């Protein structure tokens, strides 16, 4: 019993904070999703229990399925493919390079990451809007400008999120690549393996768990991105970029339906949980492959 108390005592503050700021809001959202709580009207002061009405409405709402699809496209495009692959590519390019080049590239990439999300979103907007930097460059080259945020809104928000978030993956992979034994890559090179074969058969298996962990972290962060998309497109045009966080915000605060917005938030929480379980299960036992 004494040993248990010694183990529980240091965990008590963290457990209290976790319950207060994480578990508490989740439970509250679950309760509110069964009510007609609103920001205005009679339901604001005395919400009534409506049972599964919000859930029945949600699963028959075409906007929900469109938002789920938009969330998946945005997450896969900007996190799984964009940030993950570009971060790995930059880390590989700067590996074994001189410190000056690594510092210059690192500073250029990290500068976007350290910006507050709101500032970064306005910077991307200034670059992509009709009178922005990109169109001015195109016009200067004799080409025609494009309304990027209207004609290719999903591509615009994906590229914007890739620009802002790649630094995290780059730093993670730079640290992981530094731990890859050089004798393994040198032996593979002596055996005649090319760059791609050395990466696929030597480097990647060594850093496999780092890749999985990085994917889990950036995926969970990207699923909940709100500010960047809201500043760039506000979910438009025609809900083309309305991901689940934006649909939840619109339902709860634009249409004053707190109960319905809370119901959508639980769907977002479920999707994040599924991603977390998928990645965690793929990490496996650290001793199962001898690494």
Protein backbone atom coordinates (compact mmCIF):
# COMPACT_ATOMS: atom_id res chain seq x y z
CA UNK A 1 0.00 0.00 0.00
CA UNK A 2 2.85 2.37 0.83
CA UNK A 3 4.45 1.74 -2.57
CA UNK A 4 1.14 2.47 -4.29
CA UNK A 5 0.77 5.73 -2.41
CA UNK A 6 4.30 6.75 -3.35
CA UNK A 7 3.47 6.07 -6.99
CA UNK A 8 0.12 7.86 -6.89
CA UNK A 9 1.30 10.97 -5.03
CA UNK A 10 3.41 12.43 -7.90
CA UNK A 11 0.63 11.56 -10.37
CA UNK A 12 -2.10 13.34 -8.44
CA UNK A 13 -1.52 16.90 -9.81
CA UNK A 14 -1.29 15.67 -13.40
CA UNK A 15 -4.40 13.52 -12.95
CA UNK A 16 -6.29 16.47 -11.48
CA UNK A 17 -5.33 18.76 -14.36
CA UNK A 18 -6.16 16.07 -16.92
CA UNK A 19 -9.59 15.59 -15.39
CA UNK A 20 -10.23 19.31 -15.11
CA UNK A 21 -9.15 20.44 -18.57
CA UNK A 22 -9.59 17.32 -20.74
CA UNK A 23 -11.99 14.77 -19.30
CA UNK A 24 -14.29 17.43 -17.82
CA UNK A 25 -14.98 19.25 -21.13
CA UNK A 26 -15.46 15.93 -22.92
CA UNK A 27 -18.06 14.82 -20.39
CA UNK A 28 -19.75 18.21 -20.56
CA UNK A 29 -19.89 18.03 -24.37
CA UNK A 30 -21.39 14.56 -24.11
CA UNK A 31 -24.10 15.84 -21.77
CA UNK A 32 -24.85 18.93 -23.87
CA UNK A 33 -25.16 16.81 -27.02
CA UNK A 34 -28.35 15.33 -25.53
CA UNK A 35 -29.92 18.75 -25.01
CA UNK A 36 -31.15 21.64 -27.14
CA UNK A 37 -28.72 24.10 -25.50
CA UNK A 38 -28.34 27.36 -27.42
CA UNK A 39 -26.71 30.76 -27.11
CA UNK A 40 -29.97 32.68 -27.31
CA UNK A 41 -33.63 32.15 -26.51
CA UNK A 42 -35.25 29.98 -23.89
CA UNK A 43 -32.79 27.11 -24.51
CA UNK A 44 -29.92 29.34 -23.42
CA UNK A 45 -31.15 29.63 -19.83
CA UNK A 46 -32.99 26.35 -19.45
CA UNK A 47 -32.00 23.74 -22.07
CA UNK A 48 -34.20 20.68 -22.36
CA UNK A 49 -33.20 17.05 -22.75
CA UNK A 50 -33.87 15.92 -26.33
CA UNK A 51 -32.37 12.43 -26.26
CA UNK A 52 -30.88 11.28 -29.55
CA UNK A 53 -32.46 14.02 -31.67
CA UNK A 54 -29.13 15.76 -32.30
CA UNK A 55 -27.51 12.50 -33.34
CA UNK A 56 -30.35 11.58 -35.68
CA UNK A 57 -30.16 15.01 -37.25
CA UNK A 58 -26.38 14.86 -37.54
CA UNK A 59 -26.15 11.52 -39.30
CA UNK A 60 -28.78 12.59 -41.85
CA UNK A 61 -27.10 15.95 -42.44
CA UNK A 62 -25.21 16.04 -45.78
CA UNK A 63 -23.01 18.80 -44.36
CA UNK A 64 -21.58 16.36 -41.81
CA UNK A 65 -20.45 13.81 -44.38
CA UNK A 66 -19.02 16.55 -46.57
CA UNK A 67 -17.14 17.95 -43.57
CA UNK A 68 -15.76 14.50 -42.71
CA UNK A 69 -14.54 14.07 -46.28
CA UNK A 70 -13.00 17.56 -46.28
CA UNK A 71 -11.28 16.80 -42.95
CA UNK A 72 -9.81 13.57 -44.30
CA UNK A 73 -8.57 15.24 -47.50
CA UNK A 74 -7.07 18.15 -45.58
CA UNK A 75 -5.42 15.89 -43.00
CA UNK A 76 -3.99 13.37 -45.47
CA UNK A 77 -2.88 16.06 -47.90
CA UNK A 78 -1.27 18.47 -45.45
CA UNK A 79 -0.07 16.14 -42.67
CA UNK A 80 0.40 12.55 -43.84
CA UNK A 81 1.73 13.48 -47.29
CA UNK A 82 2.76 17.13 -47.11
CA UNK A 83 4.40 17.77 -43.74
CA UNK A 84 5.61 14.23 -43.20
CA UNK A 85 7.19 13.70 -46.61
CA UNK A 86 8.57 17.21 -47.00
CA UNK A 87 9.98 17.15 -43.48
CA UNK A 88 11.72 13.84 -44.21
CA UNK A 89 13.02 15.16 -47.55
CA UNK A 90 14.52 18.29 -45.98
CA UNK A 91 16.04 16.26 -43.13
CA UNK A 92 17.67 13.89 -45.63
CA UNK A 93 18.97 16.75 -47.78
CA UNK A 94 20.58 18.51 -44.84
CA UNK A 95 22.02 15.33 -43.34
CA UNK A 96 25.83 15.37 -43.25
CA UNK A 97 25.86 18.91 -44.66
CA UNK A 98 27.92 21.70 -43.14
CA UNK A 99 26.54 23.55 -40.15
CA UNK A 100 26.07 26.82 -42.06
CA UNK A 101 23.74 25.23 -44.62
CA UNK A 102 21.82 23.36 -41.94
CA UNK A 103 21.33 26.54 -39.92
CA UNK A 104 20.12 28.53 -42.95
CA UNK A 105 17.64 25.86 -44.06
CA UNK A 106 16.52 25.20 -40.49
CA UNK A 107 15.91 28.88 -39.79
CA UNK A 108 13.95 29.33 -43.02
CA UNK A 109 11.68 26.37 -42.28
CA UNK A 110 11.25 26.94 -38.54
CA UNK A 111 10.41 30.65 -39.01
CA UNK A 112 6.98 29.69 -40.36
CA UNK A 113 6.38 27.23 -37.52
CA UNK A 114 7.13 29.66 -34.69
CA UNK A 115 4.66 32.24 -36.00
CA UNK A 116 1.32 32.37 -34.18
CA UNK A 117 -1.27 30.53 -36.26
CA UNK A 118 -3.27 33.71 -36.85
CA UNK A 119 -0.21 35.61 -38.10
CA UNK A 120 0.82 32.71 -40.32
CA UNK A 121 -2.71 32.51 -41.76
CA UNK A 122 -2.71 36.20 -42.68
CA UNK A 123 0.74 35.79 -44.25
CA UNK A 124 -0.56 32.95 -46.41
CA UNK A 125 -3.63 35.01 -47.29
CA UNK A 126 -1.42 37.92 -48.36
CA UNK A 127 0.51 35.53 -50.58
CA UNK A 128 -2.45 33.76 -52.21
CA UNK A 129 -5.25 36.31 -52.51
CA UNK A 130 -6.14 37.91 -55.85
CA UNK A 131 -3.86 40.92 -55.35
CA UNK A 132 -1.26 38.97 -53.39
CA UNK A 133 2.41 38.27 -53.90
CA UNK A 134 2.00 35.12 -55.98
CA UNK A 135 -0.29 36.73 -58.55
CA UNK A 136 1.93 39.80 -58.76
CA UNK A 137 4.87 37.55 -59.57
CA UNK A 138 2.84 35.68 -62.19
CA UNK A 139 1.69 38.92 -63.80
CA UNK A 140 5.28 40.16 -63.79
CA UNK A 141 6.26 37.04 -65.73
CA UNK A 142 3.55 37.69 -68.28
CA UNK A 143 1.17 35.06 -66.92
CA UNK A 144 -2.41 35.42 -65.76
CA UNK A 145 -3.20 35.66 -62.09
CA UNK A 146 -5.55 33.16 -60.42
CA UNK A 147 -7.98 33.51 -57.55
CA UNK A 148 -6.38 30.65 -55.67
CA UNK A 149 -8.66 30.82 -52.65
CA UNK A 150 -11.74 30.55 -54.85
CA UNK A 151 -10.76 28.18 -57.66
CA UNK A 152 -8.56 25.74 -55.68
CA UNK A 153 -9.45 26.44 -52.03
CA UNK A 154 -8.57 23.00 -50.65
CA UNK A 155 -5.18 23.05 -52.36
CA UNK A 156 -4.58 26.53 -50.95
CA UNK A 157 -5.30 25.57 -47.34
CA UNK A 158 -3.34 22.31 -47.68
CA UNK A 159 -0.26 24.12 -48.99
CA UNK A 160 -0.65 26.79 -46.33
CA UNK A 161 -0.72 24.20 -43.55
CA UNK A 162 2.24 22.35 -45.08
CA UNK A 163 4.25 25.59 -45.15
CA UNK A 164 3.48 26.30 -41.53
CA UNK A 165 3.85 22.82 -40.05
CA UNK A 166 6.70 21.12 -41.92
CA UNK A 167 9.32 22.35 -39.43
CA UNK A 168 8.11 19.96 -36.72
CA UNK A 169 8.56 16.88 -38.92
CA UNK A 170 11.91 18.17 -40.15
CA UNK A 171 13.25 18.55 -36.60
CA UNK A 172 11.93 15.13 -35.56
CA UNK A 173 13.54 13.40 -38.53
CA UNK A 174 16.82 15.29 -38.19
CA UNK A 175 17.10 13.97 -34.64
CA UNK A 176 16.14 10.44 -35.74
CA UNK A 177 18.57 10.35 -38.67
CA UNK A 178 21.40 11.41 -36.39
CA UNK A 179 20.91 8.13 -34.49
CA UNK A 180 21.12 5.89 -37.58
CA UNK A 181 24.43 3.96 -37.37
CA UNK A 182 26.74 5.11 -40.16
CA UNK A 183 28.30 1.67 -40.43
CA UNK A 184 24.99 0.25 -41.67
CA UNK A 185 24.65 2.77 -44.49
CA UNK A 186 28.34 2.47 -45.36
CA UNK A 187 28.07 -1.32 -45.53
CA UNK A 188 25.03 -1.06 -47.79
CA UNK A 189 26.89 1.40 -50.02
CA UNK A 190 29.84 -0.96 -50.28
CA UNK A 191 27.43 -3.72 -51.29
CA UNK A 192 26.29 -1.55 -54.19
CA UNK A 193 23.00 -0.23 -52.82
CA UNK A 194 21.95 3.11 -54.28
CA UNK A 195 20.57 6.09 -52.39
CA UNK A 196 16.94 4.97 -52.60
CA UNK A 197 17.73 1.36 -51.66
CA UNK A 198 19.80 2.48 -48.69
CA UNK A 199 16.97 4.70 -47.49
CA UNK A 200 14.26 2.08 -47.97
CA UNK A 201 16.10 -0.97 -46.61
CA UNK A 202 18.45 0.57 -44.03
CA UNK A 203 17.41 4.03 -42.85
CA UNK A 204 13.63 3.67 -42.86
CA UNK A 205 13.48 0.44 -40.80
CA UNK A 206 15.71 2.02 -38.13
CA UNK A 207 13.52 5.13 -37.76
CA UNK A 208 10.19 3.35 -38.33
CA UNK A 209 8.82 4.12 -34.86
CA UNK A 210 9.87 7.75 -35.16
CA UNK A 211 7.94 7.99 -38.42
CA UNK A 212 4.84 6.50 -36.81
CA UNK A 213 5.08 8.77 -33.77
CA UNK A 214 5.54 11.83 -35.95
CA UNK A 215 2.57 10.85 -38.10
CA UNK A 216 0.39 10.46 -35.02
CA UNK A 217 1.35 13.86 -33.61
CA UNK A 218 0.95 15.88 -36.81
CA UNK A 219 -2.26 14.05 -37.76
CA UNK A 220 -3.92 14.82 -34.43
CA UNK A 221 -2.79 18.44 -34.67
CA UNK A 222 -4.05 18.81 -38.25
CA UNK A 223 -7.46 17.24 -37.61
CA UNK A 224 -8.26 20.12 -35.27
CA UNK A 225 -6.88 23.02 -37.37
CA UNK A 226 -9.35 25.89 -37.32
CA UNK A 227 -7.76 29.33 -37.43
CA UNK A 228 -5.77 28.88 -40.63
CA UNK A 229 -8.74 27.62 -42.65
CA UNK A 230 -11.12 30.16 -41.13
CA UNK A 231 -8.86 33.10 -42.04
CA UNK A 232 -8.17 31.85 -45.57
CA UNK A 233 -11.60 30.67 -46.71
CA UNK A 234 -13.96 30.56 -43.69
CA UNK A 235 -14.91 27.09 -44.96
CA UNK A 236 -15.91 28.28 -48.42
CA UNK A 237 -16.50 28.68 -51.20
CA UNK A 238 -19.67 26.61 -51.11
CA UNK A 239 -18.36 24.73 -48.05
CA UNK A 240 -15.46 23.33 -50.10
CA UNK A 241 -13.08 23.68 -47.14
CA UNK A 242 -15.58 23.30 -44.30
CA UNK A 243 -13.85 20.72 -42.13
CA UNK A 244 -15.35 19.37 -38.92
CA UNK A 245 -13.91 22.12 -36.67
CA UNK A 246 -15.48 24.79 -38.90
CA UNK A 247 -18.81 22.95 -39.10
CA UNK A 248 -18.80 22.64 -35.33
CA UNK A 249 -18.05 26.36 -34.94
CA UNK A 250 -20.73 27.40 -37.41
CA UNK A 251 -23.34 25.21 -35.76
CA UNK A 252 -22.53 26.30 -32.21
CA UNK A 253 -21.69 29.98 -32.61
CA UNK A 254 -23.04 31.14 -35.96
CA UNK A 255 -26.40 29.37 -35.68
CA UNK A 256 -26.41 29.40 -31.84
CA UNK A 257 -27.02 25.63 -31.60
CA UNK A 258 -24.65 24.66 -28.82
CA UNK A 259 -26.17 21.19 -28.41
CA UNK A 260 -25.76 20.34 -32.07
CA UNK A 261 -22.25 21.78 -32.15
CA UNK A 262 -21.29 19.64 -29.15
CA UNK A 263 -22.59 16.58 -30.98
CA UNK A 264 -20.33 17.33 -33.95
CA UNK A 265 -17.40 17.85 -31.58
CA UNK A 266 -17.78 14.26 -30.39
CA UNK A 267 -17.46 13.05 -33.99
CA UNK A 268 -14.23 15.05 -34.28
CA UNK A 269 -13.01 13.55 -31.01
CA UNK A 270 -13.85 10.04 -32.27
CA UNK A 271 -11.92 10.55 -35.52
CA UNK A 272 -8.90 11.79 -33.58
CA UNK A 273 -9.13 8.80 -31.28
CA UNK A 274 -9.29 6.38 -34.20
CA UNK A 275 -6.16 7.90 -35.72
CA UNK A 276 -4.39 7.67 -32.35
CA UNK A 277 -5.33 4.01 -31.87
CA UNK A 278 -4.28 3.17 -35.44
CA UNK A 279 -0.85 4.76 -35.07
CA UNK A 280 -0.29 3.47 -31.54
CA UNK A 281 -1.07 -0.09 -32.58
CA UNK A 282 1.35 0.15 -35.51
CA UNK A 283 4.24 1.12 -33.25
CA UNK A 284 4.17 -2.31 -31.65
CA UNK A 285 6.43 -3.77 -29.00
CA UNK A 286 9.88 -2.12 -28.94
CA UNK A 287 11.51 -5.53 -28.53
CA UNK A 288 9.57 -7.46 -31.14
CA UNK A 289 12.07 -6.76 -33.95
CA UNK A 290 15.13 -6.54 -31.81
CA UNK A 291 15.58 -2.77 -32.13
